[in-house]
């Protein structure tokens, strides 16, 4: 009799465990199937700047406007996959900077970049039950960008082709970068069976692997040798101090800091629309 009761108890426990497992699987499948708001499209607008050899301090006066568009695939209430195309700019100059003005170095460039990143919400964010209407977030991934620096005062002077530091060949206009972004987003009040609008404020810093975003990296080449081998124009924009009537700096004089790669960054607002056929509120 005791053995029969024990066997019966084991059978009941086994059935309960099996039922619990089936309910867990069913609940997981249901939540995946009916997760609300997988797809999201939006725009981003704001200002861009850069940090490098020609950004003396905050460099606020050389801030450039930028605009972009993005698509997000929301994997869950915490994670999404974000793909973005963006246009922005960067610029810098020695003009008016104590101790540097006589060098007369300057640059400006348009930047086109495309990024694929993963975004993490610090709070559950979305339109499902128990999700919140706002959250801080972080994102990172990979970026590829294109640039082509010119003189700040004259866009016709394309510095890359001049090889201003007497490089053997021009540096590549296409470069990789690591984006590091932070933001705070808020969902506007959702309506049943309709999409929702989301707004945010964010900043993203791109760590590049080039020191030539501003066309300044190493040392000054020999001025006279440049005149003889590549012409007066190349020599003058390699040593733009001569355009102010100054003597050319000696060959080997430090022109930029080779130990620090350039960064560019963007701060702005986003507005996006999340398609939500079902809102569980």
Protein backbone atom coordinates (compact mmCIF):
# COMPACT_ATOMS: atom_id res chain seq x y z
CA UNK A 1 0.00 0.00 0.00
CA UNK A 2 2.84 2.36 0.89
CA UNK A 3 4.61 1.55 -2.37
CA UNK A 4 1.41 2.25 -4.33
CA UNK A 5 0.97 5.68 -2.68
CA UNK A 6 4.59 6.58 -3.37
CA UNK A 7 4.22 5.56 -7.00
CA UNK A 8 1.02 7.60 -7.29
CA UNK A 9 2.73 10.67 -5.77
CA UNK A 10 5.61 10.38 -8.23
CA UNK A 11 3.14 10.16 -11.10
CA UNK A 12 1.32 13.31 -9.95
CA UNK A 13 4.58 15.22 -9.53
CA UNK A 14 5.73 14.13 -12.99
CA UNK A 15 2.47 15.30 -14.53
CA UNK A 16 2.70 18.66 -12.73
CA UNK A 17 6.29 19.18 -13.92
CA UNK A 18 5.30 18.30 -17.48
CA UNK A 19 2.32 20.68 -17.34
CA UNK A 20 4.53 23.49 -15.97
CA UNK A 21 7.06 22.96 -18.77
CA UNK A 22 4.34 22.98 -21.43
CA UNK A 23 2.82 26.18 -20.01
CA UNK A 24 6.25 27.84 -19.95
CA UNK A 25 6.89 26.91 -23.57
CA UNK A 26 3.42 28.02 -24.62
CA UNK A 27 3.79 31.32 -22.77
CA UNK A 28 7.18 31.91 -24.41
CA UNK A 29 5.82 31.16 -27.86
CA UNK A 30 2.81 33.38 -27.25
CA UNK A 31 4.95 36.29 -26.08
CA UNK A 32 7.21 35.92 -29.11
CA UNK A 33 4.32 35.65 -31.51
CA UNK A 34 2.45 38.63 -30.13
CA UNK A 35 5.33 40.92 -29.20
CA UNK A 36 3.97 44.29 -30.25
CA UNK A 37 5.99 46.66 -32.39
CA UNK A 38 8.82 44.84 -34.13
CA UNK A 39 9.39 47.43 -36.88
CA UNK A 40 10.30 51.09 -36.37
CA UNK A 41 11.44 53.85 -38.74
CA UNK A 42 12.64 57.32 -37.86
CA UNK A 43 14.77 60.39 -38.53
CA UNK A 44 17.55 62.08 -36.59
CA UNK A 45 18.59 65.76 -36.73
CA UNK A 46 21.10 67.83 -34.81
CA UNK A 47 24.70 69.05 -34.84
CA UNK A 48 28.08 67.38 -35.38
CA UNK A 49 31.64 68.18 -34.41
CA UNK A 50 34.99 66.47 -34.11
CA UNK A 51 37.98 66.00 -31.80
CA UNK A 52 41.47 66.02 -33.29
CA UNK A 53 44.54 68.11 -34.00
CA UNK A 54 42.53 71.14 -35.13
CA UNK A 55 39.88 71.10 -32.40
CA UNK A 56 41.28 73.47 -29.84
CA UNK A 57 38.93 73.12 -26.89
CA UNK A 58 35.22 72.54 -27.48
CA UNK A 59 35.34 73.85 -31.07
CA UNK A 60 31.72 75.03 -30.79
CA UNK A 61 31.98 77.61 -33.60
CA UNK A 62 32.68 74.85 -36.12
CA UNK A 63 29.59 72.76 -35.31
CA UNK A 64 27.83 71.50 -38.45
CA UNK A 65 24.21 70.52 -39.01
CA UNK A 66 23.39 66.88 -39.71
CA UNK A 67 20.46 64.69 -40.70
CA UNK A 68 19.81 60.97 -40.95
CA UNK A 69 17.28 58.16 -41.14
CA UNK A 70 17.15 54.79 -39.41
CA UNK A 71 15.29 51.50 -39.18
CA UNK A 72 14.98 49.44 -35.99
CA UNK A 73 13.95 45.85 -35.54
CA UNK A 74 12.82 45.47 -31.94
CA UNK A 75 13.99 42.08 -30.69
CA UNK A 76 12.42 42.47 -27.24
CA UNK A 77 11.53 45.13 -24.68
CA UNK A 78 15.26 45.53 -23.99
CA UNK A 79 17.08 45.05 -27.29
CA UNK A 80 16.75 46.26 -30.86
CA UNK A 81 18.85 46.08 -34.01
CA UNK A 82 19.35 49.56 -35.48
CA UNK A 83 20.58 50.43 -38.98
CA UNK A 84 21.21 54.08 -39.83
CA UNK A 85 22.36 56.29 -42.71
CA UNK A 86 23.52 59.77 -41.72
CA UNK A 87 25.02 62.93 -43.21
CA UNK A 88 27.02 65.37 -41.07
CA UNK A 89 30.16 67.48 -41.15
CA UNK A 90 33.35 68.35 -39.28
CA UNK A 91 35.68 71.35 -39.34
CA UNK A 92 38.57 72.90 -37.45
CA UNK A 93 41.14 75.68 -37.70
CA UNK A 94 44.18 77.25 -36.05
CA UNK A 95 42.84 80.74 -36.73
CA UNK A 96 42.50 82.87 -33.62
CA UNK A 97 44.05 80.23 -31.33
CA UNK A 98 46.96 81.50 -29.23
CA UNK A 99 50.19 79.68 -30.04
CA UNK A 100 48.74 77.99 -33.14
CA UNK A 101 47.48 80.77 -35.39
CA UNK A 102 50.76 81.14 -37.28
CA UNK A 103 50.49 77.54 -38.56
CA UNK A 104 47.37 78.48 -40.54
CA UNK A 105 46.12 74.86 -40.72
CA UNK A 106 42.40 74.34 -41.34
CA UNK A 107 39.98 71.81 -42.76
CA UNK A 108 36.34 71.00 -43.33
CA UNK A 109 34.69 67.85 -44.60
CA UNK A 110 31.30 66.34 -45.25
CA UNK A 111 30.81 62.92 -43.68
CA UNK A 112 28.47 60.20 -44.89
CA UNK A 113 28.23 57.26 -42.54
CA UNK A 114 26.26 54.05 -42.34
CA UNK A 115 25.97 52.16 -39.06
CA UNK A 116 24.67 48.83 -37.84
CA UNK A 117 24.29 48.74 -34.07
CA UNK A 118 22.53 46.99 -31.22
CA UNK A 119 20.57 49.19 -28.84
CA UNK A 120 19.99 48.27 -25.18
CA UNK A 121 17.18 49.78 -23.10
CA UNK A 122 17.95 50.08 -19.39
CA UNK A 123 14.23 49.60 -18.65
CA UNK A 124 11.60 47.44 -20.42
CA UNK A 125 10.34 49.74 -23.16
CA UNK A 126 7.51 49.12 -25.60
CA UNK A 127 3.80 48.54 -25.90
CA UNK A 128 3.53 45.17 -24.16
CA UNK A 129 2.16 44.59 -20.68
CA UNK A 130 4.53 45.89 -17.95
CA UNK A 131 6.65 47.88 -20.44
CA UNK A 132 7.42 51.52 -19.61
CA UNK A 133 6.89 54.69 -21.64
CA UNK A 134 10.46 55.96 -21.21
CA UNK A 135 14.00 54.68 -20.74
CA UNK A 136 17.68 55.63 -21.01
CA UNK A 137 19.52 53.55 -23.60
CA UNK A 138 22.95 52.69 -24.97
CA UNK A 139 24.04 51.48 -28.40
CA UNK A 140 27.19 50.40 -30.20
CA UNK A 141 28.28 48.39 -33.21
CA UNK A 142 30.09 49.18 -36.46
CA UNK A 143 30.22 52.24 -38.73
CA UNK A 144 31.68 52.87 -42.17
CA UNK A 145 32.12 56.49 -43.23
CA UNK A 146 33.34 58.50 -46.21
CA UNK A 147 35.11 61.87 -45.95
CA UNK A 148 37.22 64.19 -48.12
CA UNK A 149 38.84 67.15 -46.31
CA UNK A 150 39.29 70.54 -47.96
CA UNK A 151 40.58 73.89 -46.73
CA UNK A 152 38.07 75.62 -44.46
CA UNK A 153 38.12 78.84 -46.47
CA UNK A 154 38.17 77.17 -49.89
CA UNK A 155 36.34 73.92 -50.67
CA UNK A 156 38.16 73.68 -54.00
CA UNK A 157 41.44 72.90 -52.24
CA UNK A 158 41.14 69.13 -51.71
CA UNK A 159 43.84 68.22 -49.23
CA UNK A 160 43.84 64.43 -49.59
CA UNK A 161 45.05 64.51 -53.20
CA UNK A 162 47.84 66.94 -52.33
CA UNK A 163 49.39 64.47 -49.85
CA UNK A 164 50.30 67.36 -47.59
CA UNK A 165 52.59 65.29 -45.36
CA UNK A 166 54.31 63.75 -48.39
CA UNK A 167 52.67 60.35 -47.96
CA UNK A 168 53.54 57.73 -50.54
CA UNK A 169 49.87 57.45 -51.49
CA UNK A 170 46.66 59.24 -50.44
CA UNK A 171 44.85 57.85 -47.40
CA UNK A 172 41.55 56.07 -48.03
CA UNK A 173 38.36 58.13 -48.03
CA UNK A 174 36.44 55.09 -46.73
CA UNK A 175 37.16 54.30 -43.09
CA UNK A 176 35.70 52.18 -40.25
CA UNK A 177 34.65 53.51 -36.86
CA UNK A 178 33.13 52.31 -33.59
CA UNK A 179 29.96 54.22 -32.59
CA UNK A 180 29.27 54.70 -28.88
CA UNK A 181 25.85 56.24 -28.25
CA UNK A 182 23.69 57.17 -25.26
CA UNK A 183 20.20 58.62 -25.13
CA UNK A 184 16.89 59.05 -23.38
CA UNK A 185 13.67 58.18 -25.20
CA UNK A 186 9.98 58.55 -24.49
CA UNK A 187 6.93 57.00 -26.11
CA UNK A 188 3.95 59.23 -26.76
CA UNK A 189 0.63 57.85 -25.57
CA UNK A 190 -0.21 54.79 -27.69
CA UNK A 191 -3.65 54.22 -29.19
CA UNK A 192 -5.17 50.78 -29.60
CA UNK A 193 -4.43 49.06 -32.92
CA UNK A 194 -2.32 51.99 -34.13
CA UNK A 195 1.38 52.71 -34.24
CA UNK A 196 3.10 54.90 -31.68
CA UNK A 197 5.51 57.84 -31.92
CA UNK A 198 8.77 57.83 -29.98
CA UNK A 199 11.02 60.85 -29.40
CA UNK A 200 14.52 60.92 -27.93
CA UNK A 201 17.59 63.01 -27.23
CA UNK A 202 20.89 61.25 -27.90
CA UNK A 203 24.59 61.69 -28.50
CA UNK A 204 26.90 59.38 -30.41
CA UNK A 205 30.70 59.44 -30.53
CA UNK A 206 32.51 57.67 -33.39
CA UNK A 207 35.98 56.40 -32.57
CA UNK A 208 37.85 56.30 -35.88
CA UNK A 209 41.04 54.47 -36.82
CA UNK A 210 42.48 57.29 -38.94
CA UNK A 211 44.37 60.42 -37.97
CA UNK A 212 43.61 62.13 -41.28
CA UNK A 213 40.01 63.23 -40.80
CA UNK A 214 41.50 66.74 -40.49
CA UNK A 215 44.44 66.00 -42.86
CA UNK A 216 46.86 66.57 -39.96
CA UNK A 217 48.82 63.69 -38.45
CA UNK A 218 52.62 63.56 -38.55
CA UNK A 219 55.43 66.00 -39.29
CA UNK A 220 56.17 68.72 -41.82
CA UNK A 221 58.04 67.55 -44.93
CA UNK A 222 60.86 69.57 -46.44
CA UNK A 223 59.32 72.66 -48.10
CA UNK A 224 61.94 73.16 -50.84
CA UNK A 225 61.93 69.46 -51.74
CA UNK A 226 58.14 69.60 -52.14
CA UNK A 227 58.37 72.64 -54.42
CA UNK A 228 60.93 70.86 -56.58
CA UNK A 229 59.15 67.49 -56.74
CA UNK A 230 55.44 68.28 -56.55
CA UNK A 231 54.99 71.98 -57.22
CA UNK A 232 54.47 75.23 -55.36
CA UNK A 233 50.74 74.67 -54.66
CA UNK A 234 51.34 71.39 -52.84
CA UNK A 235 54.17 72.90 -50.83
CA UNK A 236 52.10 75.92 -49.78
CA UNK A 237 49.18 73.85 -48.49
CA UNK A 238 51.56 71.46 -46.79
CA UNK A 239 53.13 74.53 -45.11
CA UNK A 240 50.19 76.99 -45.04
CA UNK A 241 52.16 79.23 -42.67
CA UNK A 242 53.85 80.61 -45.79
CA UNK A 243 50.46 81.92 -47.02
CA UNK A 244 50.61 84.36 -44.07
CA UNK A 245 54.09 85.53 -45.04
CA UNK A 246 55.88 83.31 -42.50
CA UNK A 247 58.94 81.19 -43.17
CA UNK A 248 58.33 77.48 -43.76
CA UNK A 249 58.82 75.32 -40.68
CA UNK A 250 61.84 72.95 -40.69
CA UNK A 251 61.32 69.41 -41.98
CA UNK A 252 60.47 67.02 -39.15
CA UNK A 253 58.70 69.65 -37.05
CA UNK A 254 55.60 68.20 -35.38
CA UNK A 255 52.49 68.89 -37.49
CA UNK A 256 50.05 66.62 -35.63
CA UNK A 257 49.90 64.06 -32.84
CA UNK A 258 50.23 60.59 -34.33
CA UNK A 259 49.28 58.94 -31.01
CA UNK A 260 45.71 60.27 -31.02
CA UNK A 261 43.23 59.14 -33.67
CA UNK A 262 40.41 61.48 -34.67
CA UNK A 263 36.85 61.26 -33.32
CA UNK A 264 33.66 62.80 -34.63
CA UNK A 265 30.38 63.06 -32.78
CA UNK A 266 26.75 64.00 -33.19
CA UNK A 267 24.16 65.28 -30.70
CA UNK A 268 20.53 65.59 -31.72
CA UNK A 269 16.90 64.55 -31.54
CA UNK A 270 15.16 61.56 -33.05
CA UNK A 271 11.52 60.96 -33.93
CA UNK A 272 10.39 57.48 -34.92
CA UNK A 273 7.20 55.57 -35.64
CA UNK A 274 6.76 52.06 -34.30
CA UNK A 275 4.27 49.90 -36.17
CA UNK A 276 2.13 48.20 -33.53
CA UNK A 277 -0.82 46.18 -34.87
CA UNK A 278 -1.59 45.02 -31.31
CA UNK A 279 -1.18 47.10 -28.14
CA UNK A 280 -1.47 45.09 -24.94
CA UNK A 281 -2.36 47.76 -22.38
